[in-house]
PDB file of all heavy atoms in Angstrom:
ATOM      1  N   ARG A   1      49.356 234.029 249.475  1.00  0.00           N
ATOM      2  CA  ARG A   1      49.224 233.989 250.908  1.00  0.00           C
ATOM      3  C   ARG A   1      50.350 234.824 251.617  1.00  0.00           C
ATOM      4  O   ARG A   1      51.483 234.650 251.240  1.00  0.00           O
ATOM      5  CB  ARG A   1      49.315 232.543 251.445  1.00  0.00           C
ATOM      6  CG  ARG A   1      48.220 231.625 250.902  1.00  0.00           C
ATOM      7  CD  ARG A   1      46.815 231.992 251.583  1.00  0.00           C
ATOM      8  NE  ARG A   1      45.768 231.067 251.149  1.00  0.00           N
ATOM      9  CZ  ARG A   1      44.964 231.170 250.077  1.00  0.00           C
ATOM     10  NH1 ARG A   1      45.144 232.198 249.365  1.00  0.00           N
ATOM     11  NH2 ARG A   1      44.113 230.309 249.828  1.00  0.00           N
ATOM     12  N   ARG A   2      49.946 235.669 252.454  1.00  0.00           N
ATOM     13  CA  ARG A   2      50.859 236.520 253.167  1.00  0.00           C
ATOM     14  C   ARG A   2      51.502 235.663 254.476  1.00  0.00           C
ATOM     15  O   ARG A   2      50.702 235.162 255.168  1.00  0.00           O
ATOM     16  CB  ARG A   2      50.178 237.715 253.668  1.00  0.00           C
ATOM     17  CG  ARG A   2      51.066 238.795 254.244  1.00  0.00           C
ATOM     18  CD  ARG A   2      51.416 239.851 253.312  1.00  0.00           C
ATOM     19  NE  ARG A   2      52.225 240.985 253.919  1.00  0.00           N
ATOM     20  CZ  ARG A   2      51.558 242.056 254.423  1.00  0.00           C
ATOM     21  NH1 ARG A   2      50.330 242.195 254.247  1.00  0.00           N
ATOM     22  NH2 ARG A   2      52.347 242.901 254.884  1.00  0.00           N
ATOM     23  N   ARG A   3      52.771 235.647 254.378  1.00  0.00           N
ATOM     24  CA  ARG A   3      53.406 234.970 255.575  1.00  0.00           C
ATOM     25  C   ARG A   3      54.819 235.583 255.920  1.00  0.00           C
ATOM     26  O   ARG A   3      55.397 236.334 255.042  1.00  0.00           O
ATOM     27  CB  ARG A   3      53.569 233.531 255.385  1.00  0.00           C
ATOM     28  CG  ARG A   3      54.406 233.133 254.172  1.00  0.00           C
ATOM     29  CD  ARG A   3      53.684 232.950 252.842  1.00  0.00           C
ATOM     30  NE  ARG A   3      54.365 232.284 251.828  1.00  0.00           N
ATOM     31  CZ  ARG A   3      54.190 232.370 250.543  1.00  0.00           C
ATOM     32  NH1 ARG A   3      53.134 233.128 250.097  1.00  0.00           N
ATOM     33  NH2 ARG A   3      54.845 231.702 249.638  1.00  0.00           N
ATOM     34  N   ARG A   4      55.267 235.353 257.165  1.00  0.00           N
ATOM     35  CA  ARG A   4      56.479 235.828 257.668  1.00  0.00           C
ATOM     36  C   ARG A   4      57.267 234.772 258.353  1.00  0.00           C
ATOM     37  O   ARG A   4      56.695 233.935 258.988  1.00  0.00           O
ATOM     38  CB  ARG A   4      56.302 237.041 258.635  1.00  0.00           C
ATOM     39  CG  ARG A   4      55.677 238.382 258.009  1.00  0.00           C
ATOM     40  CD  ARG A   4      55.339 239.319 259.132  1.00  0.00           C
ATOM     41  NE  ARG A   4      54.841 240.572 258.467  1.00  0.00           N
ATOM     42  CZ  ARG A   4      54.246 241.515 259.295  1.00  0.00           C
ATOM     43  NH1 ARG A   4      54.112 241.403 260.591  1.00  0.00           N
ATOM     44  NH2 ARG A   4      53.842 242.690 258.595  1.00  0.00           N
ATOM     45  N   VAL A   5      58.595 234.860 258.266  1.00  0.00           N
ATOM     46  CA  VAL A   5      59.543 233.985 258.972  1.00  0.00           C
ATOM     47  C   VAL A   5      60.654 234.775 259.610  1.00  0.00           C
ATOM     48  O   VAL A   5      60.988 235.795 259.064  1.00  0.00           O
ATOM     49  CB  VAL A   5      59.974 232.911 257.986  1.00  0.00           C
ATOM     50  CG1 VAL A   5      58.942 231.936 257.523  1.00  0.00           C
ATOM     51  CG2 VAL A   5      60.854 233.486 256.879  1.00  0.00           C
ATOM     52  N   TRP A   6      61.033 234.299 260.795  1.00  0.00           N
ATOM     53  CA  TRP A   6      62.214 234.887 261.402  1.00  0.00           C
ATOM     54  C   TRP A   6      63.266 233.829 261.732  1.00  0.00           C
ATOM     55  O   TRP A   6      62.868 232.696 262.065  1.00  0.00           O
ATOM     56  CB  TRP A   6      61.802 235.574 262.681  1.00  0.00           C
ATOM     57  CG  TRP A   6      60.908 236.816 262.417  1.00  0.00           C
ATOM     58  CD1 TRP A   6      61.343 238.089 262.115  1.00  0.00           C
ATOM     59  CD2 TRP A   6      59.502 236.804 262.523  1.00  0.00           C
ATOM     60  NE1 TRP A   6      60.208 238.866 262.040  1.00  0.00           N
ATOM     61  CE2 TRP A   6      59.044 238.082 262.195  1.00  0.00           C
ATOM     62  CE3 TRP A   6      58.529 235.834 262.683  1.00  0.00           C
ATOM     63  CZ2 TRP A   6      57.714 238.526 262.228  1.00  0.00           C
ATOM     64  CZ3 TRP A   6      57.189 236.201 262.566  1.00  0.00           C
ATOM     65  CH2 TRP A   6      56.860 237.502 262.369  1.00  0.00           C
ATOM     66  N   PHE A   7      64.460 234.209 261.692  1.00  0.00           N
ATOM     67  CA  PHE A   7      65.663 233.300 262.222  1.00  0.00           C
ATOM     68  C   PHE A   7      66.492 234.028 263.093  1.00  0.00           C
ATOM     69  O   PHE A   7      66.926 235.212 262.814  1.00  0.00           O
ATOM     70  CB  PHE A   7      66.469 232.904 260.875  1.00  0.00           C
ATOM     71  CG  PHE A   7      65.691 231.945 260.011  1.00  0.00           C
ATOM     72  CD1 PHE A   7      64.881 232.375 258.981  1.00  0.00           C
ATOM     73  CD2 PHE A   7      65.777 230.517 260.130  1.00  0.00           C
ATOM     74  CE1 PHE A   7      64.244 231.545 258.147  1.00  0.00           C
ATOM     75  CE2 PHE A   7      65.097 229.628 259.312  1.00  0.00           C
ATOM     76  CZ  PHE A   7      64.328 230.234 258.319  1.00  0.00           C
ATOM     77  N   ARG A   8      66.813 233.374 264.224  1.00  0.00           N
ATOM     78  CA  ARG A   8      67.805 233.974 265.201  1.00  0.00           C
ATOM     79  C   ARG A   8      68.945 233.008 265.350  1.00  0.00           C
ATOM     80  O   ARG A   8      68.772 231.879 265.677  1.00  0.00           O
ATOM     81  CB  ARG A   8      67.039 234.126 266.526  1.00  0.00           C
ATOM     82  CG  ARG A   8      67.978 234.851 267.568  1.00  0.00           C
ATOM     83  CD  ARG A   8      67.170 235.187 268.835  1.00  0.00           C
ATOM     84  NE  ARG A   8      66.174 236.216 268.690  1.00  0.00           N
ATOM     85  CZ  ARG A   8      64.870 235.987 268.949  1.00  0.00           C
ATOM     86  NH1 ARG A   8      64.401 234.870 269.394  1.00  0.00           N
ATOM     87  NH2 ARG A   8      64.056 237.017 268.770  1.00  0.00           N
ATOM     88  N   VAL A   9      70.121 233.536 265.061  1.00  0.00           N
ATOM     89  CA  VAL A   9      71.391 232.723 264.972  1.00  0.00           C
ATOM     90  C   VAL A   9      72.059 232.911 266.232  1.00  0.00           C
ATOM     91  O   VAL A   9      72.520 234.065 266.606  1.00  0.00           O
ATOM     92  CB  VAL A   9      72.248 232.973 263.790  1.00  0.00           C
ATOM     93  CG1 VAL A   9      73.389 232.129 263.743  1.00  0.00           C
ATOM     94  CG2 VAL A   9      71.314 232.845 262.443  1.00  0.00           C
ATOM     95  N   THR A  10      72.400 231.804 266.893  1.00  0.00           N
ATOM     96  CA  THR A  10      73.395 231.939 268.140  1.00  0.00           C
ATOM     97  C   THR A  10      74.700 231.094 267.840  1.00  0.00           C
ATOM     98  O   THR A  10      74.683 229.911 267.464  1.00  0.00           O
ATOM     99  CB  THR A  10      72.703 231.245 269.319  1.00  0.00           C
ATOM    100  OG1 THR A  10      71.466 231.870 269.657  1.00  0.00           O
ATOM    101  CG2 THR A  10      73.593 231.322 270.563  1.00  0.00           C
ATOM    102  N   PRO A  11      75.741 231.930 267.709  1.00  0.00           N
ATOM    103  CA  PRO A  11      77.040 231.328 267.224  1.00  0.00           C
ATOM    104  C   PRO A  11      77.437 230.238 268.334  1.00  0.00           C
ATOM    105  O   PRO A  11      76.949 230.268 269.450  1.00  0.00           O
ATOM    106  CB  PRO A  11      77.971 232.470 267.277  1.00  0.00           C
ATOM    107  CG  PRO A  11      77.145 233.717 267.185  1.00  0.00           C
ATOM    108  CD  PRO A  11      75.830 233.375 267.833  1.00  0.00           C
ATOM    109  N   PRO A  12      78.300 229.323 267.911  1.00  0.00           N
ATOM    110  CA  PRO A  12      78.805 228.360 268.877  1.00  0.00           C
ATOM    111  C   PRO A  12      79.729 228.979 269.958  1.00  0.00           C
ATOM    112  O   PRO A  12      80.020 230.232 269.836  1.00  0.00           O
ATOM    113  CB  PRO A  12      79.706 227.392 268.036  1.00  0.00           C
ATOM    114  CG  PRO A  12      80.005 228.235 266.769  1.00  0.00           C
ATOM    115  CD  PRO A  12      78.853 229.203 266.511  1.00  0.00           C
ATOM    116  N   ASP A  13      80.184 228.190 270.813  1.00  0.00           N
ATOM    117  CA  ASP A  13      80.913 228.762 272.072  1.00  0.00           C
ATOM    118  C   ASP A  13      82.204 229.455 271.585  1.00  0.00           C
ATOM    119  O   ASP A  13      82.600 230.449 272.240  1.00  0.00           O
ATOM    120  CB  ASP A  13      81.284 227.518 272.921  1.00  0.00           C
ATOM    121  CG  ASP A  13      80.072 226.988 273.569  1.00  0.00           C
ATOM    122  OD1 ASP A  13      78.950 227.666 273.579  1.00  0.00           O
ATOM    123  OD2 ASP A  13      80.099 225.846 274.027  1.00  0.00           O
ATOM    124  N   GLY A  14      82.754 229.076 270.449  1.00  0.00           N
ATOM    125  CA  GLY A  14      84.029 229.720 270.083  1.00  0.00           C
ATOM    126  C   GLY A  14      83.783 231.173 269.576  1.00  0.00           C
ATOM    127  O   GLY A  14      84.756 231.886 269.345  1.00  0.00           O
ATOM    128  N   GLY A  15      82.515 231.553 269.305  1.00  0.00           N
ATOM    129  CA  GLY A  15      82.234 232.842 268.857  1.00  0.00           C
ATOM    130  C   GLY A  15      82.347 232.953 267.404  1.00  0.00           C
ATOM    131  O   GLY A  15      81.926 233.990 266.771  1.00  0.00           O
ATOM    132  N   SER A  16      82.949 232.027 266.626  1.00  0.00           N
ATOM    133  CA  SER A  16      83.220 232.010 265.103  1.00  0.00           C
ATOM    134  C   SER A  16      82.296 231.005 264.554  1.00  0.00           C
ATOM    135  O   SER A  16      82.222 229.831 265.104  1.00  0.00           O
ATOM    136  CB  SER A  16      84.545 231.870 264.822  1.00  0.00           C
ATOM    137  OG  SER A  16      84.662 231.781 263.390  1.00  0.00           O
ATOM    138  N   PRO A  17      81.626 231.166 263.396  1.00  0.00           N
ATOM    139  CA  PRO A  17      80.860 230.230 262.848  1.00  0.00           C
ATOM    140  C   PRO A  17      81.611 228.987 262.404  1.00  0.00           C
ATOM    141  O   PRO A  17      81.140 227.916 262.187  1.00  0.00           O
ATOM    142  CB  PRO A  17      80.234 231.028 261.595  1.00  0.00           C
ATOM    143  CG  PRO A  17      80.299 232.391 261.969  1.00  0.00           C
ATOM    144  CD  PRO A  17      81.513 232.591 262.834  1.00  0.00           C
ATOM    145  N   THR A  18      82.922 229.226 262.276  1.00  0.00           N
ATOM    146  CA  THR A  18      83.703 228.080 261.735  1.00  0.00           C
ATOM    147  C   THR A  18      84.177 227.184 262.859  1.00  0.00           C
ATOM    148  O   THR A  18      84.727 225.976 262.642  1.00  0.00           O
ATOM    149  CB  THR A  18      84.973 228.584 261.031  1.00  0.00           C
ATOM    150  OG1 THR A  18      85.843 229.380 261.936  1.00  0.00           O
ATOM    151  CG2 THR A  18      84.626 229.440 259.839  1.00  0.00           C
ATOM    152  N   SER A  19      83.907 227.547 264.075  1.00  0.00           N
ATOM    153  CA  SER A  19      84.367 226.718 265.137  1.00  0.00           C
ATOM    154  C   SER A  19      83.369 225.648 265.626  1.00  0.00           C
ATOM    155  O   SER A  19      83.649 224.852 266.579  1.00  0.00           O
ATOM    156  CB  SER A  19      84.637 227.602 266.418  1.00  0.00           C
ATOM    157  OG  SER A  19      83.515 228.295 266.800  1.00  0.00           O
ATOM    158  N   GLY A  20      82.238 225.537 265.002  1.00  0.00           N
ATOM    159  CA  GLY A  20      81.244 224.520 265.323  1.00  0.00           C
ATOM    160  C   GLY A  20      79.937 224.951 264.660  1.00  0.00           C
ATOM    161  O   GLY A  20      79.819 225.677 263.760  1.00  0.00           O
ATOM    162  N   SER A  21      78.901 224.161 265.108  1.00  0.00           N
ATOM    163  CA  SER A  21      77.562 224.393 264.675  1.00  0.00           C
ATOM    164  C   SER A  21      76.858 225.476 265.391  1.00  0.00           C
ATOM    165  O   SER A  21      76.870 225.507 266.593  1.00  0.00           O
ATOM    166  CB  SER A  21      76.689 223.082 264.693  1.00  0.00           C
ATOM    167  OG  SER A  21      77.255 222.024 263.937  1.00  0.00           O
ATOM    168  N   SER A  22      76.197 226.435 264.580  1.00  0.00           N
ATOM    169  CA  SER A  22      75.400 227.376 265.145  1.00  0.00           C
ATOM    170  C   SER A  22      73.986 226.964 265.559  1.00  0.00           C
ATOM    171  O   SER A  22      73.407 226.102 264.842  1.00  0.00           O
ATOM    172  CB  SER A  22      75.269 228.558 264.168  1.00  0.00           C
ATOM    173  OG  SER A  22      76.539 229.064 263.812  1.00  0.00           O
ATOM    174  N   LEU A  23      73.418 227.478 266.529  1.00  0.00           N
ATOM    175  CA  LEU A  23      72.079 227.087 266.937  1.00  0.00           C
ATOM    176  C   LEU A  23      71.137 228.185 266.284  1.00  0.00           C
ATOM    177  O   LEU A  23      71.371 229.425 266.483  1.00  0.00           O
ATOM    178  CB  LEU A  23      71.936 227.244 268.460  1.00  0.00           C
ATOM    179  CG  LEU A  23      70.571 226.941 269.033  1.00  0.00           C
ATOM    180  CD1 LEU A  23      70.140 225.445 268.643  1.00  0.00           C
ATOM    181  CD2 LEU A  23      70.499 227.145 270.453  1.00  0.00           C
ATOM    182  N   VAL A  24      70.230 227.690 265.482  1.00  0.00           N
ATOM    183  CA  VAL A  24      69.296 228.548 264.737  1.00  0.00           C
ATOM    184  C   VAL A  24      67.930 228.325 265.219  1.00  0.00           C
ATOM    185  O   VAL A  24      67.419 227.154 265.179  1.00  0.00           O
ATOM    186  CB  VAL A  24      69.428 228.296 263.235  1.00  0.00           C
ATOM    187  CG1 VAL A  24      68.403 229.277 262.434  1.00  0.00           C
ATOM    188  CG2 VAL A  24      70.762 228.475 262.642  1.00  0.00           C
ATOM    189  N   GLU A  25      67.284 229.315 265.739  1.00  0.00           N
ATOM    190  CA  GLU A  25      65.869 229.343 266.094  1.00  0.00           C
ATOM    191  C   GLU A  25      65.112 229.870 265.053  1.00  0.00           C
ATOM    192  O   GLU A  25      65.301 231.064 264.607  1.00  0.00           O
ATOM    193  CB  GLU A  25      65.633 229.989 267.476  1.00  0.00           C
ATOM    194  CG  GLU A  25      64.197 229.894 268.011  1.00  0.00           C
ATOM    195  CD  GLU A  25      64.076 230.578 269.269  1.00  0.00           C
ATOM    196  OE1 GLU A  25      64.914 231.339 269.698  1.00  0.00           O
ATOM    197  OE2 GLU A  25      63.010 230.304 269.871  1.00  0.00           O
ATOM    198  N   ALA A  26      64.019 229.252 264.653  1.00  0.00           N
ATOM    199  CA  ALA A  26      63.232 229.739 263.567  1.00  0.00           C
ATOM    200  C   ALA A  26      61.684 229.730 263.959  1.00  0.00           C
ATOM    201  O   ALA A  26      61.219 228.963 264.700  1.00  0.00           O
ATOM    202  CB  ALA A  26      63.392 228.883 262.273  1.00  0.00           C
ATOM    203  N   GLY A  27      61.054 230.790 263.472  1.00  0.00           N
ATOM    204  CA  GLY A  27      59.569 230.924 263.607  1.00  0.00           C
ATOM    205  C   GLY A  27      58.890 231.379 262.432  1.00  0.00           C
ATOM    206  O   GLY A  27      59.419 232.066 261.708  1.00  0.00           O
TER     207      GLY A  27
END
């Protein structure tokens, strides 16, 4: 079956992935 997925990562307010949880939008 042919399929596609996308992920868009929004870093936390501190701008660094280590400063908190990132918001990930997936489709």
